PDB file of N, CA and C in Angstrom:
ATOM      1  N   MET A   1      18.619 -62.040  67.177  1.00  0.00           N
ATOM      2  CA  MET A   1      18.685 -61.210  65.952  1.00  0.00           C
ATOM      3  C   MET A   1      19.249 -60.309  65.912  1.00  0.00           C
ATOM      4  N   GLY A   2      20.759 -60.342  65.456  1.00  0.00           N
ATOM      5  CA  GLY A   2      22.010 -59.599  65.019  1.00  0.00           C
ATOM      6  C   GLY A   2      22.848 -60.000  63.815  1.00  0.00           C
ATOM      7  N   LYS A   3      23.932 -59.318  63.491  1.00  0.00           N
ATOM      8  CA  LYS A   3      25.403 -60.406  63.031  1.00  0.00           C
ATOM      9  C   LYS A   3      26.635 -59.552  63.536  1.00  0.00           C
ATOM     10  N   ASP A   4      27.042 -60.387  63.592  1.00  0.00           N
ATOM     11  CA  ASP A   4      28.219 -60.534  64.075  1.00  0.00           C
ATOM     12  C   ASP A   4      29.237 -60.629  62.608  1.00  0.00           C
ATOM     13  N   TRP A   5      30.486 -59.746  63.087  1.00  0.00           N
ATOM     14  CA  TRP A   5      31.455 -59.836  62.425  1.00  0.00           C
ATOM     15  C   TRP A   5      32.717 -60.258  62.466  1.00  0.00           C
ATOM     16  N   ARG A   6      33.728 -61.572  63.069  1.00  0.00           N
ATOM     17  CA  ARG A   6      34.680 -61.414  63.150  1.00  0.00           C
ATOM     18  C   ARG A   6      35.718 -61.365  62.779  1.00  0.00           C
ATOM     19  N   LEU A   7      36.773 -59.761  63.140  1.00  0.00           N
ATOM     20  CA  LEU A   7      37.557 -58.631  62.707  1.00  0.00           C
ATOM     21  C   LEU A   7      39.045 -59.346  62.993  1.00  0.00           C
ATOM     22  N   LYS A   8      39.543 -59.353  63.869  1.00  0.00           N
ATOM     23  CA  LYS A   8      40.820 -60.485  63.943  1.00  0.00           C
ATOM     24  C   LYS A   8      40.506 -61.109  64.781  1.00  0.00           C
ATOM     25  N   GLU A   9      41.231 -62.353  65.964  1.00  0.00           N
ATOM     26  CA  GLU A   9      41.573 -63.320  65.422  1.00  0.00           C
ATOM     27  C   GLU A   9      41.098 -63.442  67.532  1.00  0.00           C
ATOM     28  N   GLN A  10      41.193 -62.199  68.151  1.00  0.00           N
ATOM     29  CA  GLN A  10      40.743 -61.158  69.187  1.00  0.00           C
ATOM     30  C   GLN A  10      39.925 -60.360  68.765  1.00  0.00           C
ATOM     31  N   ALA A  11      39.205 -59.384  68.256  1.00  0.00           N
ATOM     32  CA  ALA A  11      38.409 -59.057  67.944  1.00  0.00           C
ATOM     33  C   ALA A  11      36.945 -59.300  66.757  1.00  0.00           C
ATOM     34  N   SER A  12      36.007 -58.578  67.066  1.00  0.00           N
ATOM     35  CA  SER A  12      34.838 -59.237  66.058  1.00  0.00           C
ATOM     36  C   SER A  12      33.490 -57.465  66.335  1.00  0.00           C
ATOM     37  N   LEU A  13      33.171 -57.447  65.934  1.00  0.00           N
ATOM     38  CA  LEU A  13      32.286 -56.513  65.748  1.00  0.00           C
ATOM     39  C   LEU A  13      30.326 -56.881  65.439  1.00  0.00           C
ATOM     40  N   GLN A  14      29.595 -56.700  66.688  1.00  0.00           N
ATOM     41  CA  GLN A  14      28.484 -57.051  66.212  1.00  0.00           C
ATOM     42  C   GLN A  14      27.144 -56.051  65.490  1.00  0.00           C
ATOM     43  N   PHE A  15      26.458 -56.388  65.270  1.00  0.00           N
ATOM     44  CA  PHE A  15      25.652 -55.695  64.908  1.00  0.00           C
ATOM     45  C   PHE A  15      24.043 -56.143  65.257  1.00  0.00           C
ATOM     46  N   ARG A  16      22.947 -54.582  66.106  1.00  0.00           N
ATOM     47  CA  ARG A  16      22.105 -55.706  66.580  1.00  0.00           C
ATOM     48  C   ARG A  16      20.827 -54.803  66.906  1.00  0.00           C
ATOM     49  N   PRO A  17      19.879 -54.946  66.022  1.00  0.00           N
ATOM     50  CA  PRO A  17      18.515 -53.657  65.414  1.00  0.00           C
ATOM     51  C   PRO A  17      17.578 -54.101  66.565  1.00  0.00           C
ATOM     52  N   GLU A  18      17.073 -53.658  66.841  1.00  0.00           N
ATOM     53  CA  GLU A  18      15.807 -53.362  67.963  1.00  0.00           C
ATOM     54  C   GLU A  18      15.104 -52.427  67.148  1.00  0.00           C
ATOM     55  N   ALA A  19      12.865 -53.111  67.144  1.00  0.00           N
ATOM     56  CA  ALA A  19      12.736 -52.408  67.158  1.00  0.00           C
ATOM     57  C   ALA A  19      11.236 -52.338  68.359  1.00  0.00           C
ATOM     58  N   PHE A  20      10.354 -51.044  68.697  1.00  0.00           N
ATOM     59  CA  PHE A  20       9.975 -51.224  69.972  1.00  0.00           C
ATOM     60  C   PHE A  20       7.865 -50.440  68.826  1.00  0.00           C
ATOM     61  N   ASN A  21       7.345 -51.357  69.207  1.00  0.00           N
ATOM     62  CA  ASN A  21       5.474 -50.442  68.578  1.00  0.00           C
ATOM     63  C   ASN A  21       5.835 -50.630  66.464  1.00  0.00           C
ATOM     64  N   ILE A  22       6.709 -51.593  66.078  1.00  0.00           N
ATOM     65  CA  ILE A  22       6.622 -51.840  65.176  1.00  0.00           C
ATOM     66  C   ILE A  22       5.535 -51.538  64.267  1.00  0.00           C
ATOM     67  N   LEU A  23       4.514 -51.729  64.415  1.00  0.00           N
ATOM     68  CA  LEU A  23       3.700 -52.322  63.786  1.00  0.00           C
ATOM     69  C   LEU A  23       2.705 -50.490  64.279  1.00  0.00           C
ATOM     70  N   ASP A  24       3.228 -49.570  65.132  1.00  0.00           N
ATOM     71  CA  ASP A  24       2.009 -48.653  65.453  1.00  0.00           C
ATOM     72  C   ASP A  24       0.784 -48.802  65.692  1.00  0.00           C
ATOM     73  N   HIS A  25       0.506 -49.845  67.139  1.00  0.00           N
ATOM     74  CA  HIS A  25      -0.710 -50.087  67.561  1.00  0.00           C
ATOM     75  C   HIS A  25      -1.137 -49.616  68.795  1.00  0.00           C
ATOM     76  N   PRO A  26      -1.956 -48.022  69.163  1.00  0.00           N
ATOM     77  CA  PRO A  26      -2.217 -47.880  69.400  1.00  0.00           C
ATOM     78  C   PRO A  26      -2.737 -48.052  70.962  1.00  0.00           C
ATOM     79  N   SER A  27      -2.395 -48.439  71.884  1.00  0.00           N
ATOM     80  CA  SER A  27      -3.088 -47.984  73.255  1.00  0.00           C
ATOM     81  C   SER A  27      -3.919 -47.259  73.630  1.00  0.00           C
ATOM     82  N   LEU A  28      -5.144 -46.897  74.111  1.00  0.00           N
ATOM     83  CA  LEU A  28      -6.064 -45.740  74.100  1.00  0.00           C
ATOM     84  C   LEU A  28      -6.158 -45.740  75.550  1.00  0.00           C
ATOM     85  N   GLN A  29      -6.115 -44.746  76.272  1.00  0.00           N
ATOM     86  CA  GLN A  29      -6.578 -43.827  77.370  1.00  0.00           C
ATOM     87  C   GLN A  29      -7.748 -44.327  78.099  1.00  0.00           C
ATOM     88  N   ASN A  30      -8.747 -44.473  78.919  1.00  0.00           N
ATOM     89  CA  ASN A  30      -9.934 -44.160  78.649  1.00  0.00           C
ATOM     90  C   ASN A  30     -10.793 -43.731  78.816  1.00  0.00           C
ATOM     91  N   PRO A  31     -12.298 -43.533  78.678  1.00  0.00           N
ATOM     92  CA  PRO A  31     -13.001 -42.466  78.202  1.00  0.00           C
ATOM     93  C   PRO A  31     -13.191 -41.777  78.962  1.00  0.00           C
ATOM     94  N   GLY A  32     -13.633 -40.536  78.900  1.00  0.00           N
ATOM     95  CA  GLY A  32     -14.089 -39.526  80.162  1.00  0.00           C
ATOM     96  C   GLY A  32     -15.639 -40.187  80.395  1.00  0.00           C
ATOM     97  N   ALA A  33     -15.575 -40.351  81.885  1.00  0.00           N
ATOM     98  CA  ALA A  33     -16.635 -40.772  82.217  1.00  0.00           C
ATOM     99  C   ALA A  33     -17.835 -40.139  83.071  1.00  0.00           C
ATOM    100  N   THR A  34     -17.783 -38.915  83.289  1.00  0.00           N
ATOM    101  CA  THR A  34     -18.492 -37.960  83.310  1.00  0.00           C
ATOM    102  C   THR A  34     -19.426 -37.928  82.677  1.00  0.00           C
ATOM    103  N   ILE A  35     -20.511 -37.347  82.491  1.00  0.00           N
ATOM    104  CA  ILE A  35     -21.850 -37.496  82.035  1.00  0.00           C
ATOM    105  C   ILE A  35     -22.410 -36.149  82.499  1.00  0.00           C
ATOM    106  N   PHE A  36     -22.958 -35.667  83.524  1.00  0.00           N
ATOM    107  CA  PHE A  36     -23.598 -34.749  84.166  1.00  0.00           C
ATOM    108  C   PHE A  36     -22.321 -34.049  85.652  1.00  0.00           C
ATOM    109  N   ALA A  37     -22.484 -32.509  85.335  1.00  0.00           N
ATOM    110  CA  ALA A  37     -21.443 -32.030  85.460  1.00  0.00           C
ATOM    111  C   ALA A  37     -22.409 -30.912  86.240  1.00  0.00           C
ATOM    112  N   GLY A  38     -22.494 -31.170  87.580  1.00  0.00           N
ATOM    113  CA  GLY A  38     -23.471 -29.814  88.049  1.00  0.00           C
ATOM    114  C   GLY A  38     -25.502 -29.567  87.591  1.00  0.00           C
ATOM    115  N   THR A  39     -25.239 -28.932  86.450  1.00  0.00           N
ATOM    116  CA  THR A  39     -26.555 -28.754  85.716  1.00  0.00           C
ATOM    117  C   THR A  39     -26.921 -29.027  83.999  1.00  0.00           C
ATOM    118  N   GLY A  40     -25.283 -29.517  83.776  1.00  0.00           N
ATOM    119  CA  GLY A  40     -25.649 -29.536  82.623  1.00  0.00           C
ATOM    120  C   GLY A  40     -24.282 -30.700  82.150  1.00  0.00           C
ATOM    121  N   PHE A  41     -24.943 -31.356  80.784  1.00  0.00           N
ATOM    122  CA  PHE A  41     -23.948 -32.182  80.274  1.00  0.00           C
ATOM    123  C   PHE A  41     -22.786 -32.341  79.825  1.00  0.00           C
ATOM    124  N   VAL A  42     -21.743 -33.253  80.498  1.00  0.00           N
ATOM    125  CA  VAL A  42     -20.340 -32.257  79.797  1.00  0.00           C
ATOM    126  C   VAL A  42     -20.397 -33.660  78.529  1.00  0.00           C
ATOM    127  N   GLY A  43     -19.461 -32.711  77.504  1.00  0.00           N
ATOM    128  CA  GLY A  43     -19.249 -32.583  75.962  1.00  0.00           C
ATOM    129  C   GLY A  43     -18.195 -33.392  75.502  1.00  0.00           C
ATOM    130  N   THR A  44     -17.487 -33.878  76.801  1.00  0.00           N
ATOM    131  CA  THR A  44     -16.299 -34.372  77.186  1.00  0.00           C
ATOM    132  C   THR A  44     -16.645 -36.648  77.075  1.00  0.00           C
ATOM    133  N   ALA A  45     -18.107 -35.852  77.774  1.00  0.00           N
ATOM    134  CA  ALA A  45     -18.467 -37.952  78.381  1.00  0.00           C
ATOM    135  C   ALA A  45     -18.072 -38.418  76.960  1.00  0.00           C
ATOM    136  N   GLY A  46     -17.454 -39.876  77.569  1.00  0.00           N
ATOM    137  CA  GLY A  46     -17.311 -41.285  76.038  1.00  0.00           C
ATOM    138  C   GLY A  46     -16.502 -40.747  75.048  1.00  0.00           C
ATOM    139  N   ARG A  47     -15.022 -39.532  75.219  1.00  0.00           N
ATOM    140  CA  ARG A  47     -14.300 -39.634  74.421  1.00  0.00           C
ATOM    141  C   ARG A  47     -13.064 -39.617  74.508  1.00  0.00           C
ATOM    142  N   ILE A  48     -12.713 -40.339  73.679  1.00  0.00           N
ATOM    143  CA  ILE A  48     -10.568 -40.835  74.550  1.00  0.00           C
ATOM    144  C   ILE A  48      -9.954 -39.157  73.878  1.00  0.00           C
ATOM    145  N   ALA A  49      -9.219 -38.820  74.543  1.00  0.00           N
ATOM    146  CA  ALA A  49      -8.379 -37.444  74.431  1.00  0.00           C
ATOM    147  C   ALA A  49      -7.416 -37.872  74.611  1.00  0.00           C
ATOM    148  N   ALA A  50      -6.660 -39.053  74.719  1.00  0.00           N
ATOM    149  CA  ALA A  50      -4.985 -39.160  74.688  1.00  0.00           C
ATOM    150  C   ALA A  50      -4.539 -40.864  74.065  1.00  0.00           C
ATOM    151  N   THR A  51      -3.669 -41.432  73.444  1.00  0.00           N
ATOM    152  CA  THR A  51      -2.939 -42.906  73.771  1.00  0.00           C
ATOM    153  C   THR A  51      -1.892 -42.992  74.869  1.00  0.00           C
ATOM    154  N   ASN A  52      -1.784 -44.139  75.367  1.00  0.00           N
ATOM    155  CA  ASN A  52      -0.930 -43.821  75.754  1.00  0.00           C
ATOM    156  C   ASN A  52       0.603 -44.569  75.669  1.00  0.00           C
ATOM    157  N   SER A  53       0.245 -45.020  74.889  1.00  0.00           N
ATOM    158  CA  SER A  53       1.626 -46.225  73.905  1.00  0.00           C
ATOM    159  C   SER A  53       2.393 -44.537  73.597  1.00  0.00           C
ATOM    160  N   GLN A  54       3.602 -44.378  73.000  1.00  0.00           N
ATOM    161  CA  GLN A  54       4.573 -44.284  72.252  1.00  0.00           C
ATOM    162  C   GLN A  54       4.733 -44.491  70.664  1.00  0.00           C
ATOM    163  N   PRO A  55       5.238 -44.167  69.400  1.00  0.00           N
ATOM    164  CA  PRO A  55       4.728 -44.524  67.927  1.00  0.00           C
ATOM    165  C   PRO A  55       5.802 -45.462  68.318  1.00  0.00           C
ATOM    166  N   HIS A  56       6.175 -45.917  66.906  1.00  0.00           N
ATOM    167  CA  HIS A  56       6.599 -46.717  66.530  1.00  0.00           C
ATOM    168  C   HIS A  56       8.092 -45.906  66.401  1.00  0.00           C
ATOM    169  N   GLN A  57       9.421 -46.800  66.843  1.00  0.00           N
ATOM    170  CA  GLN A  57      11.256 -46.576  67.345  1.00  0.00           C
ATOM    171  C   GLN A  57      11.767 -47.625  66.440  1.00  0.00           C
ATOM    172  N   ILE A  58      13.190 -47.435  65.957  1.00  0.00           N
ATOM    173  CA  ILE A  58      13.415 -48.289  66.129  1.00  0.00           C
ATOM    174  C   ILE A  58      15.175 -47.458  66.200  1.00  0.00           C
ATOM    175  N   GLN A  59      16.031 -48.480  67.087  1.00  0.00           N
ATOM    176  CA  GLN A  59      17.204 -48.635  67.496  1.00  0.00           C
ATOM    177  C   GLN A  59      17.896 -49.466  66.998  1.00  0.00           C
ATOM    178  N   LEU A  60      19.227 -49.025  66.268  1.00  0.00           N
ATOM    179  CA  LEU A  60      20.636 -50.138  66.013  1.00  0.00           C
ATOM    180  C   LEU A  60      21.541 -49.429  66.490  1.00  0.00           C
ATOM    181  N   ALA A  61      22.533 -51.165  67.165  1.00  0.00           N
ATOM    182  CA  ALA A  61      23.346 -50.606  67.685  1.00  0.00           C
ATOM    183  C   ALA A  61      24.732 -51.401  66.929  1.00  0.00           C
ATOM    184  N   LEU A  62      25.790 -51.097  67.328  1.00  0.00           N
ATOM    185  CA  LEU A  62      27.392 -51.389  67.416  1.00  0.00           C
ATOM    186  C   LEU A  62      27.618 -51.286  68.161  1.00  0.00           C
ATOM    187  N   LYS A  63      28.791 -52.887  68.657  1.00  0.00           N
ATOM    188  CA  LYS A  63      29.318 -52.719  69.578  1.00  0.00           C
ATOM    189  C   LYS A  63      30.682 -53.713  68.663  1.00  0.00           C
ATOM    190  N   LEU A  64      31.993 -53.105  69.701  1.00  0.00           N
ATOM    191  CA  LEU A  64      33.293 -53.514  68.837  1.00  0.00           C
ATOM    192  C   LEU A  64      33.954 -54.668  69.937  1.00  0.00           C
ATOM    193  N   VAL A  65      33.571 -55.834  70.014  1.00  0.00           N
ATOM    194  CA  VAL A  65      34.265 -56.798  71.436  1.00  0.00           C
ATOM    195  C   VAL A  65      35.665 -57.041  70.984  1.00  0.00           C
ATOM    196  N   PHE A  66      36.893 -56.734  72.385  1.00  0.00           N
ATOM    197  CA  PHE A  66      37.857 -57.041  72.173  1.00  0.00           C
ATOM    198  C   PHE A  66      38.555 -57.284  73.215  1.00  0.00           C
TER     199      PHE A  66
END
């Protein structure tokens, strides 16, 4: 996906957009697995504290070919 423009007989300009995780779907880490520690209950049991994925990113490239 992109666009090419012919500038002269020996030169052209290329435009290319790229998108990563464009719908911003999260990739969640595993929840906390420790339920009891020592003599008490762990308050973070079953809680998902972070994600593995990056937010959506858009990149634009412009290349001169001659």
